[in-house]
Amino acid sequence: KSMGGHLLDYYAKKCGITIPERRCYMYPTEGDIGTIDNLIKDLKIDNSRIVAMHTTSLVTAKDWPIERFNNIAEMLKSKGYTICQIGMEKDKKIDPSFSIDLTGRMSLRQIAAFLAGCECFIGIDSGISYIAASRDIPVICIMGMSSPITSGPFGENVTFIEPQRPTE
């Protein structure tokens, strides 16, 4: 049976909660911001041209082949962007000749601070996509088995890429 909407709405209704605004918020501390400023300086990253990428979900059916991330990273690097991979240490890795691996080096609040300075975010449907959407940067969210109708980050700044789905 179809829920007819986003999972957030479904569970809020079940709990008797009204959702006043479809927006997630993340509040990095001054310490988080300082840590990220130091990381960018230490790595000598030109933070005006960063594209952050996240490749791996806890649900493998949501993931996209790493080769496709490599293709995008290679193309963006050739256009002068710095590609930074964010996420967990165990995530599938983008080819290091195209990207800087920052996986496992930041807390979630530090990721939020980092994303605020990025040109855009490209990643799969995951919690990090929600954090990226909350930072008011362009987000390209690549959907796997899930649909943006029922899950996925919110915001006018989010564009979804979906696989072809069978028609009923």
N, C-alpha and C. Protein backbone atom coordinates (compact mmCIF):
# COMPACT_ATOMS: atom_id res chain seq x y z
N LYS A 1 0.84 -1.19 0.00
CA LYS A 1 0.00 0.00 0.00
C LYS A 1 0.88 1.25 0.00
N SER A 2 0.56 2.20 -0.87
CA SER A 2 1.34 3.43 -0.98
C SER A 2 1.05 4.37 0.17
N MET A 3 2.10 5.04 0.66
CA MET A 3 1.93 6.03 1.72
C MET A 3 1.39 7.35 1.17
N GLY A 4 1.64 7.61 -0.11
CA GLY A 4 1.16 8.83 -0.74
C GLY A 4 1.99 10.07 -0.43
N GLY A 5 3.20 9.92 0.07
CA GLY A 5 4.03 11.08 0.35
C GLY A 5 5.37 10.68 0.93
N HIS A 6 6.09 11.67 1.38
CA HIS A 6 7.42 11.48 1.94
C HIS A 6 7.33 10.74 3.28
N LEU A 7 8.33 9.95 3.58
CA LEU A 7 8.38 9.23 4.86
C LEU A 7 8.27 10.16 6.05
N LEU A 8 8.84 11.35 5.94
CA LEU A 8 8.74 12.34 7.02
C LEU A 8 7.28 12.64 7.35
N ASP A 9 6.49 12.88 6.31
CA ASP A 9 5.07 13.17 6.51
C ASP A 9 4.33 11.97 7.10
N TYR A 10 4.65 10.79 6.61
CA TYR A 10 4.01 9.56 7.08
C TYR A 10 4.23 9.39 8.59
N TYR A 11 5.49 9.46 9.01
CA TYR A 11 5.79 9.24 10.43
C TYR A 11 5.31 10.40 11.31
N ALA A 12 5.36 11.60 10.80
CA ALA A 12 4.84 12.75 11.56
C ALA A 12 3.35 12.58 11.81
N LYS A 13 2.62 12.15 10.79
CA LYS A 13 1.17 11.94 10.95
C LYS A 13 0.91 10.84 11.97
N LYS A 14 1.67 9.76 11.89
CA LYS A 14 1.52 8.65 12.85
C LYS A 14 1.74 9.12 14.29
N CYS A 15 2.62 10.10 14.46
CA CYS A 15 2.94 10.62 15.80
C CYS A 15 2.11 11.84 16.18
N GLY A 16 1.25 12.29 15.27
CA GLY A 16 0.44 13.46 15.57
C GLY A 16 1.21 14.77 15.54
N ILE A 17 2.27 14.82 14.75
CA ILE A 17 3.13 16.00 14.68
C ILE A 17 2.88 16.73 13.37
N THR A 18 2.84 18.05 13.42
CA THR A 18 2.75 18.87 12.22
C THR A 18 4.15 19.33 11.84
N ILE A 19 4.48 19.19 10.57
CA ILE A 19 5.79 19.64 10.07
C ILE A 19 5.59 21.05 9.50
N PRO A 20 6.08 22.08 10.20
CA PRO A 20 5.83 23.45 9.75
C PRO A 20 6.62 23.85 8.51
N GLU A 21 7.79 23.25 8.32
CA GLU A 21 8.66 23.65 7.22
C GLU A 21 9.47 22.46 6.77
N ARG A 22 9.53 22.24 5.47
CA ARG A 22 10.32 21.13 4.92
C ARG A 22 11.75 21.59 4.75
N ARG A 23 12.48 21.60 5.83
CA ARG A 23 13.88 22.03 5.79
C ARG A 23 14.62 21.39 6.95
N CYS A 24 15.80 20.91 6.66
CA CYS A 24 16.67 20.39 7.71
C CYS A 24 17.66 21.48 8.09
N TYR A 25 18.07 21.47 9.32
CA TYR A 25 19.06 22.43 9.81
C TYR A 25 20.20 21.68 10.46
N MET A 26 21.39 22.21 10.28
CA MET A 26 22.59 21.67 10.91
C MET A 26 23.39 22.85 11.40
N TYR A 27 23.81 22.81 12.65
CA TYR A 27 24.47 23.95 13.27
C TYR A 27 25.90 23.62 13.69
N PRO A 28 26.87 23.83 12.78
CA PRO A 28 28.26 23.62 13.18
C PRO A 28 28.67 24.66 14.22
N THR A 29 29.52 24.25 15.14
CA THR A 29 30.03 25.17 16.15
C THR A 29 31.17 26.00 15.56
N GLU A 30 31.58 27.03 16.28
CA GLU A 30 32.76 27.82 15.86
C GLU A 30 33.98 26.92 15.77
N GLY A 31 34.07 25.95 16.69
CA GLY A 31 35.18 25.00 16.66
C GLY A 31 35.17 24.15 15.40
N ASP A 32 33.97 23.71 14.98
CA ASP A 32 33.84 22.94 13.74
C ASP A 32 34.29 23.77 12.54
N ILE A 33 33.85 25.01 12.50
CA ILE A 33 34.21 25.90 11.40
C ILE A 33 35.72 26.14 11.38
N GLY A 34 36.32 26.35 12.55
CA GLY A 34 37.77 26.54 12.63
C GLY A 34 38.53 25.30 12.17
N THR A 35 38.05 24.13 12.56
CA THR A 35 38.69 22.88 12.14
C THR A 35 38.68 22.75 10.62
N ILE A 36 37.55 23.09 10.01
CA ILE A 36 37.45 23.00 8.55
C ILE A 36 38.32 24.06 7.88
N ASP A 37 38.33 25.27 8.41
CA ASP A 37 39.21 26.31 7.85
C ASP A 37 40.66 25.85 7.86
N ASN A 38 41.09 25.24 8.98
CA ASN A 38 42.47 24.72 9.08
C ASN A 38 42.71 23.58 8.10
N LEU A 39 41.74 22.69 7.95
CA LEU A 39 41.88 21.56 7.03
C LEU A 39 42.06 22.07 5.60
N ILE A 40 41.23 23.02 5.20
CA ILE A 40 41.32 23.59 3.84
C ILE A 40 42.68 24.27 3.63
N LYS A 41 43.13 24.99 4.66
CA LYS A 41 44.43 25.67 4.56
C LYS A 41 45.57 24.64 4.51
N ASP A 42 45.53 23.63 5.38
CA ASP A 42 46.58 22.60 5.40
C ASP A 42 46.68 21.84 4.08
N LEU A 43 45.53 21.57 3.46
CA LEU A 43 45.52 20.82 2.20
C LEU A 43 45.71 21.72 0.98
N LYS A 44 45.80 23.04 1.24
CA LYS A 44 45.98 24.02 0.16
C LYS A 44 44.89 23.90 -0.91
N ILE A 45 43.65 23.82 -0.43
CA ILE A 45 42.49 23.71 -1.32
C ILE A 45 41.95 25.11 -1.61
N ASP A 46 41.71 25.39 -2.89
CA ASP A 46 41.03 26.64 -3.28
C ASP A 46 39.54 26.39 -3.05
N ASN A 47 39.03 26.83 -1.91
CA ASN A 47 37.67 26.45 -1.54
C ASN A 47 36.58 27.16 -2.32
N SER A 48 36.94 27.99 -3.27
CA SER A 48 35.90 28.63 -4.09
C SER A 48 35.44 27.72 -5.23
N ARG A 49 36.15 26.63 -5.47
CA ARG A 49 35.84 25.74 -6.61
C ARG A 49 35.72 24.28 -6.18
N ILE A 50 35.22 24.03 -4.97
CA ILE A 50 35.10 22.65 -4.47
C ILE A 50 33.77 22.05 -4.86
N VAL A 51 33.83 20.83 -5.38
CA VAL A 51 32.64 20.00 -5.55
C VAL A 51 32.81 18.84 -4.59
N ALA A 52 31.89 18.73 -3.63
CA ALA A 52 31.92 17.63 -2.67
C ALA A 52 31.14 16.46 -3.25
N MET A 53 31.66 15.25 -3.05
CA MET A 53 30.98 14.05 -3.52
C MET A 53 30.88 13.03 -2.40
N HIS A 54 29.76 12.32 -2.37
CA HIS A 54 29.54 11.24 -1.42
C HIS A 54 29.04 10.03 -2.19
N THR A 55 29.71 8.89 -2.02
CA THR A 55 29.50 7.74 -2.91
C THR A 55 28.75 6.56 -2.34
N THR A 56 28.61 6.47 -1.02
CA THR A 56 28.18 5.20 -0.45
C THR A 56 27.11 5.39 0.62
N SER A 57 26.08 4.57 0.56
CA SER A 57 24.99 4.57 1.53
C SER A 57 25.11 3.32 2.41
N LEU A 58 24.34 3.30 3.46
CA LEU A 58 24.27 2.08 4.27
C LEU A 58 23.43 1.01 3.58
N VAL A 59 22.67 1.41 2.55
CA VAL A 59 21.82 0.51 1.78
C VAL A 59 22.40 0.43 0.37
N THR A 60 23.05 -0.67 0.04
CA THR A 60 23.78 -0.76 -1.24
C THR A 60 22.87 -0.56 -2.46
N ALA A 61 21.58 -0.83 -2.35
CA ALA A 61 20.66 -0.63 -3.48
C ALA A 61 20.50 0.86 -3.81
N LYS A 62 20.94 1.74 -2.91
CA LYS A 62 20.89 3.18 -3.17
C LYS A 62 22.17 3.67 -3.86
N ASP A 63 23.22 2.86 -3.84
CA ASP A 63 24.52 3.28 -4.35
C ASP A 63 24.55 3.30 -5.87
N TRP A 64 25.49 4.06 -6.38
CA TRP A 64 25.73 4.22 -7.81
C TRP A 64 27.10 3.63 -8.09
N PRO A 65 27.35 3.06 -9.25
CA PRO A 65 28.68 2.49 -9.52
C PRO A 65 29.79 3.55 -9.37
N ILE A 66 30.87 3.17 -8.71
CA ILE A 66 31.96 4.10 -8.44
C ILE A 66 32.59 4.61 -9.75
N GLU A 67 32.52 3.81 -10.81
CA GLU A 67 33.06 4.24 -12.09
C GLU A 67 32.36 5.50 -12.59
N ARG A 68 31.08 5.63 -12.31
CA ARG A 68 30.34 6.82 -12.75
C ARG A 68 30.78 8.05 -11.96
N PHE A 69 31.04 7.86 -10.65
CA PHE A 69 31.58 8.98 -9.87
C PHE A 69 32.96 9.36 -10.41
N ASN A 70 33.77 8.37 -10.76
CA ASN A 70 35.09 8.66 -11.34
C ASN A 70 34.96 9.47 -12.62
N ASN A 71 34.01 9.10 -13.48
CA ASN A 71 33.81 9.83 -14.74
C ASN A 71 33.43 11.28 -14.48
N ILE A 72 32.52 11.51 -13.54
CA ILE A 72 32.11 12.88 -13.21
C ILE A 72 33.28 13.65 -12.60
N ALA A 73 33.99 13.00 -11.68
CA ALA A 73 35.13 13.67 -11.03
C ALA A 73 36.19 14.05 -12.04
N GLU A 74 36.49 13.16 -12.97
CA GLU A 74 37.49 13.45 -14.00
C GLU A 74 37.06 14.64 -14.85
N MET A 75 35.79 14.66 -15.26
CA MET A 75 35.30 15.75 -16.10
C MET A 75 35.34 17.08 -15.35
N LEU A 76 34.89 17.08 -14.09
CA LEU A 76 34.88 18.32 -13.30
C LEU A 76 36.30 18.82 -13.02
N LYS A 77 37.21 17.89 -12.73
CA LYS A 77 38.60 18.29 -12.50
C LYS A 77 39.18 18.94 -13.76
N SER A 78 38.83 18.42 -14.93
CA SER A 78 39.33 19.00 -16.19
C SER A 78 38.78 20.41 -16.42
N LYS A 79 37.69 20.75 -15.74
CA LYS A 79 37.09 22.09 -15.84
C LYS A 79 37.59 23.03 -14.74
N GLY A 80 38.55 22.55 -13.91
CA GLY A 80 39.16 23.40 -12.90
C GLY A 80 38.58 23.29 -11.50
N TYR A 81 37.69 22.33 -11.28
CA TYR A 81 37.12 22.14 -9.94
C TYR A 81 38.01 21.22 -9.11
N THR A 82 37.96 21.41 -7.82
CA THR A 82 38.62 20.50 -6.88
C THR A 82 37.54 19.57 -6.34
N ILE A 83 37.75 18.27 -6.50
CA ILE A 83 36.77 17.27 -6.06
C ILE A 83 37.22 16.76 -4.70
N CYS A 84 36.33 16.85 -3.72
CA CYS A 84 36.61 16.33 -2.39
C CYS A 84 35.57 15.28 -2.04
N GLN A 85 36.05 14.08 -1.75
CA GLN A 85 35.14 13.01 -1.34
C GLN A 85 34.96 13.08 0.16
N ILE A 86 33.69 13.11 0.59
CA ILE A 86 33.37 13.15 2.01
C ILE A 86 32.56 11.91 2.37
N GLY A 87 32.48 11.60 3.65
CA GLY A 87 31.72 10.44 4.10
C GLY A 87 32.51 9.64 5.11
N MET A 88 32.23 8.34 5.12
CA MET A 88 32.88 7.44 6.06
C MET A 88 34.12 6.81 5.45
N GLU A 89 35.05 6.43 6.30
CA GLU A 89 36.31 5.83 5.85
C GLU A 89 36.07 4.62 4.95
N LYS A 90 35.04 3.83 5.23
CA LYS A 90 34.80 2.60 4.47
C LYS A 90 34.07 2.82 3.14
N ASP A 91 33.72 4.05 2.81
CA ASP A 91 33.02 4.34 1.55
C ASP A 91 33.85 3.94 0.35
N LYS A 92 33.16 3.60 -0.76
CA LYS A 92 33.85 3.31 -2.01
C LYS A 92 34.59 4.57 -2.43
N LYS A 93 35.83 4.42 -2.85
CA LYS A 93 36.71 5.56 -3.11
C LYS A 93 36.72 6.00 -4.57
N ILE A 94 36.64 7.31 -4.76
CA ILE A 94 36.86 7.91 -6.06
C ILE A 94 38.35 7.85 -6.35
N ASP A 95 38.72 7.66 -7.61
CA ASP A 95 40.11 7.58 -8.01
C ASP A 95 40.88 8.79 -7.45
N PRO A 96 41.97 8.56 -6.70
CA PRO A 96 42.71 9.67 -6.08
C PRO A 96 43.36 10.62 -7.08
N SER A 97 43.47 10.22 -8.35
CA SER A 97 44.03 11.16 -9.34
C SER A 97 43.00 12.23 -9.71
N PHE A 98 41.73 12.03 -9.31
CA PHE A 98 40.68 13.01 -9.59
C PHE A 98 40.16 13.71 -8.34
N SER A 99 40.49 13.20 -7.15
CA SER A 99 39.84 13.73 -5.95
C SER A 99 40.75 13.72 -4.73
N ILE A 100 40.35 14.49 -3.74
CA ILE A 100 40.99 14.49 -2.43
C ILE A 100 40.09 13.70 -1.51
N ASP A 101 40.63 12.69 -0.87
CA ASP A 101 39.85 11.81 0.00
C ASP A 101 39.79 12.39 1.41
N LEU A 102 38.61 12.88 1.79
CA LEU A 102 38.38 13.39 3.14
C LEU A 102 37.49 12.46 3.95
N THR A 103 37.26 11.25 3.44
CA THR A 103 36.38 10.32 4.16
C THR A 103 36.98 9.97 5.52
N GLY A 104 36.11 9.94 6.50
CA GLY A 104 36.52 9.57 7.85
C GLY A 104 37.27 10.66 8.60
N ARG A 105 37.42 11.83 8.02
CA ARG A 105 38.21 12.90 8.66
C ARG A 105 37.37 13.98 9.32
N MET A 106 36.03 13.91 9.14
CA MET A 106 35.17 14.97 9.67
C MET A 106 33.95 14.39 10.39
N SER A 107 33.51 15.07 11.42
CA SER A 107 32.24 14.74 12.07
C SER A 107 31.11 15.25 11.18
N LEU A 108 29.87 14.90 11.50
CA LEU A 108 28.75 15.39 10.70
C LEU A 108 28.64 16.91 10.75
N ARG A 109 28.86 17.52 11.90
CA ARG A 109 28.81 18.99 11.97
C ARG A 109 29.96 19.61 11.18
N GLN A 110 31.11 18.97 11.19
CA GLN A 110 32.23 19.48 10.38
C GLN A 110 31.94 19.32 8.89
N ILE A 111 31.27 18.24 8.52
CA ILE A 111 30.85 18.08 7.12
C ILE A 111 29.92 19.22 6.74
N ALA A 112 28.99 19.59 7.63
CA ALA A 112 28.08 20.72 7.36
C ALA A 112 28.88 22.00 7.16
N ALA A 113 29.87 22.23 8.00
CA ALA A 113 30.71 23.43 7.87
C ALA A 113 31.48 23.40 6.55
N PHE A 114 32.01 22.24 6.19
CA PHE A 114 32.75 22.09 4.93
C PHE A 114 31.85 22.36 3.74
N LEU A 115 30.66 21.77 3.73
CA LEU A 115 29.74 21.91 2.61
C LEU A 115 29.31 23.36 2.38
N ALA A 116 29.23 24.14 3.44
CA ALA A 116 28.81 25.54 3.29
C ALA A 116 29.73 26.32 2.36
N GLY A 117 30.98 25.88 2.23
CA GLY A 117 31.93 26.57 1.36
C GLY A 117 32.11 25.93 -0.01
N CYS A 118 31.31 24.92 -0.32
CA CYS A 118 31.46 24.22 -1.59
C CYS A 118 30.61 24.85 -2.69
N GLU A 119 31.08 24.68 -3.90
CA GLU A 119 30.34 25.14 -5.08
C GLU A 119 29.06 24.32 -5.25
N CYS A 120 29.16 23.00 -5.03
CA CYS A 120 27.98 22.13 -5.10
C CYS A 120 28.31 20.78 -4.49
N PHE A 121 27.29 19.94 -4.40
CA PHE A 121 27.40 18.59 -3.85
C PHE A 121 26.77 17.62 -4.83
N ILE A 122 27.45 16.49 -5.04
CA ILE A 122 26.91 15.40 -5.85
C ILE A 122 27.02 14.13 -5.02
N GLY A 123 25.90 13.46 -4.80
CA GLY A 123 25.96 12.24 -4.01
C GLY A 123 24.68 11.44 -4.09
N ILE A 124 24.72 10.31 -3.42
CA ILE A 124 23.59 9.40 -3.40
C ILE A 124 22.62 9.81 -2.28
N ASP A 125 21.44 9.22 -2.30
CA ASP A 125 20.41 9.49 -1.30
C ASP A 125 20.90 8.96 0.05
N SER A 126 21.34 9.90 0.89
CA SER A 126 21.88 9.53 2.20
C SER A 126 21.72 10.71 3.14
N GLY A 127 22.05 10.51 4.38
CA GLY A 127 22.00 11.60 5.35
C GLY A 127 22.87 12.78 4.96
N ILE A 128 24.01 12.51 4.33
CA ILE A 128 24.90 13.60 3.92
C ILE A 128 24.23 14.46 2.85
N SER A 129 23.39 13.87 2.01
CA SER A 129 22.64 14.67 1.03
C SER A 129 21.69 15.64 1.72
N TYR A 130 21.09 15.21 2.82
CA TYR A 130 20.21 16.10 3.59
C TYR A 130 21.03 17.25 4.18
N ILE A 131 22.21 16.93 4.70
CA ILE A 131 23.07 17.97 5.26
C ILE A 131 23.46 18.96 4.16
N ALA A 132 23.83 18.46 2.98
CA ALA A 132 24.20 19.34 1.87
C ALA A 132 23.04 20.26 1.50
N ALA A 133 21.84 19.71 1.44
CA ALA A 133 20.66 20.52 1.09
C ALA A 133 20.43 21.62 2.12
N SER A 134 20.76 21.36 3.36
CA SER A 134 20.57 22.35 4.42
C SER A 134 21.55 23.51 4.33
N ARG A 135 22.60 23.36 3.53
CA ARG A 135 23.65 24.39 3.45
C ARG A 135 23.42 25.37 2.31
N ASP A 136 22.29 25.27 1.63
CA ASP A 136 21.93 26.21 0.55
C ASP A 136 22.93 26.23 -0.59
N ILE A 137 23.48 25.07 -0.92
CA ILE A 137 24.32 24.94 -2.11
C ILE A 137 23.57 24.04 -3.09
N PRO A 138 23.88 24.12 -4.38
CA PRO A 138 23.24 23.20 -5.33
C PRO A 138 23.58 21.75 -4.97
N VAL A 139 22.55 20.91 -4.96
CA VAL A 139 22.70 19.49 -4.62
C VAL A 139 22.17 18.66 -5.77
N ILE A 140 22.98 17.72 -6.24
CA ILE A 140 22.53 16.71 -7.19
C ILE A 140 22.48 15.41 -6.42
N CYS A 141 21.26 14.91 -6.22
CA CYS A 141 21.05 13.69 -5.43
C CYS A 141 20.70 12.55 -6.39
N ILE A 142 21.56 11.55 -6.42
CA ILE A 142 21.38 10.40 -7.30
C ILE A 142 20.61 9.32 -6.53
N MET A 143 19.41 9.06 -7.01
CA MET A 143 18.53 8.10 -6.34
C MET A 143 18.81 6.69 -6.86
N GLY A 144 18.74 5.73 -5.97
CA GLY A 144 18.86 4.33 -6.35
C GLY A 144 17.48 3.73 -6.32
N MET A 145 17.26 2.83 -5.37
CA MET A 145 15.97 2.15 -5.27
C MET A 145 14.86 3.05 -4.73
N SER A 146 15.22 4.11 -4.03
CA SER A 146 14.21 4.97 -3.41
C SER A 146 13.78 6.07 -4.37
N SER A 147 12.67 6.69 -4.05
CA SER A 147 12.11 7.74 -4.89
C SER A 147 12.11 9.05 -4.12
N PRO A 148 12.36 10.18 -4.79
CA PRO A 148 12.31 11.47 -4.09
C PRO A 148 10.90 11.82 -3.59
N ILE A 149 9.90 11.11 -4.08
CA ILE A 149 8.54 11.33 -3.59
C ILE A 149 8.41 10.84 -2.15
N THR A 150 9.12 9.74 -1.84
CA THR A 150 9.00 9.16 -0.50
C THR A 150 10.23 9.37 0.38
N SER A 151 11.36 9.67 -0.22
CA SER A 151 12.57 9.94 0.56
C SER A 151 13.46 10.88 -0.23
N GLY A 152 14.53 11.30 0.36
CA GLY A 152 15.43 12.22 -0.30
C GLY A 152 15.38 13.59 0.35
N PRO A 153 16.44 14.37 0.18
CA PRO A 153 16.52 15.68 0.83
C PRO A 153 15.51 16.68 0.27
N PHE A 154 15.24 17.72 1.06
CA PHE A 154 14.29 18.75 0.68
C PHE A 154 15.02 20.00 0.22
N GLY A 155 14.37 20.79 -0.61
CA GLY A 155 14.88 22.10 -0.94
C GLY A 155 14.78 22.44 -2.41
N GLU A 156 14.66 23.72 -2.67
CA GLU A 156 14.65 24.22 -4.04
C GLU A 156 16.02 24.04 -4.69
N ASN A 157 17.04 23.84 -3.87
CA ASN A 157 18.41 23.70 -4.36
C ASN A 157 18.77 22.25 -4.71
N VAL A 158 17.79 21.33 -4.63
CA VAL A 158 18.05 19.90 -4.85
C VAL A 158 17.50 19.47 -6.21
N THR A 159 18.36 18.82 -7.00
CA THR A 159 17.97 18.19 -8.25
C THR A 159 18.17 16.70 -8.10
N PHE A 160 17.17 15.93 -8.48
CA PHE A 160 17.24 14.47 -8.37
C PHE A 160 17.53 13.84 -9.73
N ILE A 161 18.38 12.82 -9.71
CA ILE A 161 18.60 11.97 -10.87
C ILE A 161 18.09 10.60 -10.47
N GLU A 162 17.13 10.10 -11.25
CA GLU A 162 16.51 8.82 -10.93
C GLU A 162 16.75 7.80 -12.04
N PRO A 163 16.84 6.53 -11.66
CA PRO A 163 16.94 5.50 -12.70
C PRO A 163 15.58 5.34 -13.39
N GLN A 164 15.61 4.75 -14.58
CA GLN A 164 14.34 4.42 -15.21
C GLN A 164 13.67 3.36 -14.37
N ARG A 165 12.41 3.59 -14.09
CA ARG A 165 11.65 2.64 -13.28
C ARG A 165 10.61 1.95 -14.16
N PRO A 166 10.31 0.70 -13.86
CA PRO A 166 9.28 0.02 -14.66
C PRO A 166 7.92 0.69 -14.47
N THR A 167 7.17 0.75 -15.53
CA THR A 167 5.81 1.31 -15.41
C THR A 167 4.88 0.21 -14.95
N GLU A 168 3.88 0.61 -14.21
CA GLU A 168 2.94 -0.41 -13.67
C GLU A 168 1.86 -0.73 -14.67
